[in-house]
Amino acid sequence: GDMRLTDFTELMNTQFGAQTAASMLVDHVLPDLGGRTGAQAIDDGVDPREVWRLLCRDFDVPRAQW
């Protein structure tokens, strides 16, 4: 099922730190999501789990943590 936004936010903050996570969501463009940022994609109804996976990939998070 879809990841809850609160779970997504907790994962982001734990992995990247709150400040960096917040910046990544609004500044980093995800080509796989039509050139939207993570925040735009989530606002458009994309499952936060998909945004999480793409951000982890782009920022070299070990796959075991996705």
N, C-alpha and C. Protein backbone atom coordinates (compact mmCIF):
# COMPACT_ATOMS: atom_id res chain seq x y z
N GLY A 1 0.82 -1.21 0.00
CA GLY A 1 0.00 0.00 0.00
C GLY A 1 0.85 1.25 0.00
N ASP A 2 0.18 2.36 -0.05
CA ASP A 2 0.87 3.64 -0.05
C ASP A 2 1.52 3.90 1.30
N MET A 3 2.65 4.58 1.24
CA MET A 3 3.35 5.00 2.45
C MET A 3 2.66 6.24 3.01
N ARG A 4 2.47 6.26 4.31
CA ARG A 4 1.88 7.45 4.93
C ARG A 4 2.89 8.60 4.89
N LEU A 5 2.39 9.80 4.73
CA LEU A 5 3.25 10.98 4.65
C LEU A 5 4.07 11.16 5.93
N THR A 6 3.47 10.84 7.07
CA THR A 6 4.22 10.97 8.33
C THR A 6 5.40 9.99 8.36
N ASP A 7 5.20 8.77 7.84
CA ASP A 7 6.30 7.80 7.77
C ASP A 7 7.39 8.29 6.82
N PHE A 8 6.97 8.83 5.68
CA PHE A 8 7.91 9.37 4.71
C PHE A 8 8.75 10.48 5.33
N THR A 9 8.10 11.40 6.00
CA THR A 9 8.80 12.53 6.63
C THR A 9 9.80 12.03 7.67
N GLU A 10 9.39 11.03 8.45
CA GLU A 10 10.29 10.48 9.47
C GLU A 10 11.51 9.82 8.81
N LEU A 11 11.29 9.04 7.75
CA LEU A 11 12.41 8.43 7.03
C LEU A 11 13.36 9.48 6.47
N MET A 12 12.80 10.49 5.85
CA MET A 12 13.61 11.57 5.26
C MET A 12 14.45 12.26 6.33
N ASN A 13 13.82 12.62 7.43
CA ASN A 13 14.52 13.34 8.50
C ASN A 13 15.60 12.48 9.14
N THR A 14 15.33 11.19 9.29
CA THR A 14 16.30 10.28 9.89
C THR A 14 17.49 10.08 8.95
N GLN A 15 17.20 9.91 7.67
CA GLN A 15 18.27 9.63 6.70
C GLN A 15 19.12 10.85 6.38
N PHE A 16 18.48 12.00 6.21
CA PHE A 16 19.18 13.17 5.69
C PHE A 16 19.28 14.34 6.67
N GLY A 17 18.55 14.30 7.78
CA GLY A 17 18.46 15.45 8.67
C GLY A 17 17.33 16.35 8.21
N ALA A 18 16.65 16.97 9.16
CA ALA A 18 15.43 17.71 8.85
C ALA A 18 15.67 18.84 7.84
N GLN A 19 16.74 19.60 8.02
CA GLN A 19 17.00 20.74 7.12
C GLN A 19 17.29 20.28 5.70
N THR A 20 18.16 19.30 5.57
CA THR A 20 18.51 18.79 4.25
C THR A 20 17.30 18.13 3.60
N ALA A 21 16.55 17.34 4.36
CA ALA A 21 15.37 16.67 3.82
C ALA A 21 14.37 17.68 3.27
N ALA A 22 14.13 18.74 4.03
CA ALA A 22 13.18 19.77 3.59
C ALA A 22 13.65 20.43 2.30
N SER A 23 14.95 20.70 2.22
CA SER A 23 15.52 21.32 1.02
C SER A 23 15.43 20.38 -0.18
N MET A 24 15.77 19.10 0.03
CA MET A 24 15.72 18.13 -1.06
C MET A 24 14.32 18.05 -1.67
N LEU A 25 13.32 18.09 -0.82
CA LEU A 25 11.95 17.92 -1.30
C LEU A 25 11.52 19.05 -2.23
N VAL A 26 12.00 20.25 -1.99
CA VAL A 26 11.56 21.38 -2.80
C VAL A 26 12.57 21.80 -3.87
N ASP A 27 13.83 21.33 -3.76
CA ASP A 27 14.87 21.79 -4.68
C ASP A 27 15.32 20.73 -5.68
N HIS A 28 15.26 19.46 -5.30
CA HIS A 28 15.81 18.41 -6.16
C HIS A 28 14.76 17.92 -7.15
N VAL A 29 15.06 18.05 -8.43
CA VAL A 29 14.13 17.63 -9.49
C VAL A 29 14.34 16.14 -9.77
N LEU A 30 13.22 15.42 -9.87
CA LEU A 30 13.24 13.98 -10.14
C LEU A 30 12.77 13.73 -11.58
N PRO A 31 13.71 13.48 -12.49
CA PRO A 31 13.35 13.27 -13.90
C PRO A 31 12.33 12.14 -14.09
N ASP A 32 12.41 11.10 -13.27
CA ASP A 32 11.48 9.97 -13.41
C ASP A 32 10.04 10.36 -13.07
N LEU A 33 9.88 11.49 -12.42
CA LEU A 33 8.52 11.96 -12.08
C LEU A 33 8.16 13.20 -12.90
N GLY A 34 8.62 13.22 -14.12
CA GLY A 34 8.24 14.30 -15.03
C GLY A 34 8.91 15.62 -14.73
N GLY A 35 10.09 15.57 -14.08
CA GLY A 35 10.80 16.81 -13.79
C GLY A 35 10.23 17.58 -12.62
N ARG A 36 9.43 16.91 -11.82
CA ARG A 36 8.87 17.55 -10.62
C ARG A 36 9.81 17.33 -9.44
N THR A 37 9.68 18.17 -8.45
CA THR A 37 10.37 17.93 -7.19
C THR A 37 9.57 16.89 -6.40
N GLY A 38 10.19 16.36 -5.36
CA GLY A 38 9.47 15.42 -4.51
C GLY A 38 8.20 16.01 -3.93
N ALA A 39 8.28 17.26 -3.49
CA ALA A 39 7.11 17.92 -2.91
C ALA A 39 6.00 18.07 -3.94
N GLN A 40 6.36 18.47 -5.16
CA GLN A 40 5.35 18.60 -6.22
C GLN A 40 4.70 17.26 -6.54
N ALA A 41 5.52 16.22 -6.63
CA ALA A 41 5.00 14.89 -6.96
C ALA A 41 4.03 14.40 -5.89
N ILE A 42 4.39 14.57 -4.62
CA ILE A 42 3.51 14.15 -3.53
C ILE A 42 2.22 14.96 -3.57
N ASP A 43 2.33 16.25 -3.81
CA ASP A 43 1.13 17.10 -3.92
C ASP A 43 0.23 16.63 -5.06
N ASP A 44 0.84 16.07 -6.10
CA ASP A 44 0.09 15.59 -7.26
C ASP A 44 -0.44 14.16 -7.08
N GLY A 45 -0.18 13.57 -5.91
CA GLY A 45 -0.75 12.26 -5.61
C GLY A 45 0.18 11.08 -5.81
N VAL A 46 1.47 11.33 -6.10
CA VAL A 46 2.43 10.23 -6.22
C VAL A 46 2.67 9.64 -4.83
N ASP A 47 2.74 8.31 -4.76
CA ASP A 47 2.99 7.62 -3.49
C ASP A 47 4.33 8.09 -2.92
N PRO A 48 4.35 8.57 -1.67
CA PRO A 48 5.62 8.98 -1.07
C PRO A 48 6.69 7.90 -1.12
N ARG A 49 6.29 6.62 -1.12
CA ARG A 49 7.26 5.53 -1.21
C ARG A 49 8.08 5.64 -2.51
N GLU A 50 7.42 6.00 -3.61
CA GLU A 50 8.12 6.16 -4.89
C GLU A 50 9.09 7.34 -4.83
N VAL A 51 8.66 8.43 -4.23
CA VAL A 51 9.53 9.60 -4.06
C VAL A 51 10.73 9.23 -3.20
N TRP A 52 10.49 8.48 -2.12
CA TRP A 52 11.56 8.03 -1.24
C TRP A 52 12.59 7.22 -2.02
N ARG A 53 12.13 6.25 -2.80
CA ARG A 53 13.05 5.40 -3.57
C ARG A 53 13.90 6.22 -4.54
N LEU A 54 13.27 7.15 -5.21
CA LEU A 54 14.00 7.95 -6.19
C LEU A 54 15.02 8.87 -5.52
N LEU A 55 14.65 9.46 -4.40
CA LEU A 55 15.59 10.31 -3.68
C LEU A 55 16.76 9.49 -3.14
N CYS A 56 16.47 8.29 -2.62
CA CYS A 56 17.54 7.42 -2.14
C CYS A 56 18.50 7.07 -3.27
N ARG A 57 17.94 6.76 -4.43
CA ARG A 57 18.78 6.42 -5.58
C ARG A 57 19.67 7.61 -5.96
N ASP A 58 19.06 8.77 -6.07
CA ASP A 58 19.81 9.95 -6.52
C ASP A 58 20.88 10.38 -5.52
N PHE A 59 20.66 10.10 -4.24
CA PHE A 59 21.61 10.55 -3.22
C PHE A 59 22.42 9.39 -2.63
N ASP A 60 22.51 8.29 -3.41
CA ASP A 60 23.40 7.17 -3.08
C ASP A 60 23.17 6.55 -1.70
N VAL A 61 21.92 6.47 -1.30
CA VAL A 61 21.59 5.75 -0.07
C VAL A 61 21.68 4.26 -0.38
N PRO A 62 22.33 3.46 0.48
CA PRO A 62 22.41 2.02 0.22
C PRO A 62 21.02 1.42 0.00
N ARG A 63 20.92 0.57 -1.01
CA ARG A 63 19.62 0.02 -1.42
C ARG A 63 18.90 -0.69 -0.27
N ALA A 64 19.64 -1.27 0.66
CA ALA A 64 19.03 -1.97 1.80
C ALA A 64 18.19 -1.03 2.66
N GLN A 65 18.42 0.28 2.56
CA GLN A 65 17.70 1.26 3.38
C GLN A 65 16.48 1.84 2.66
N TRP A 66 16.27 1.44 1.42
CA TRP A 66 15.12 1.96 0.67
C TRP A 66 13.86 1.30 1.18
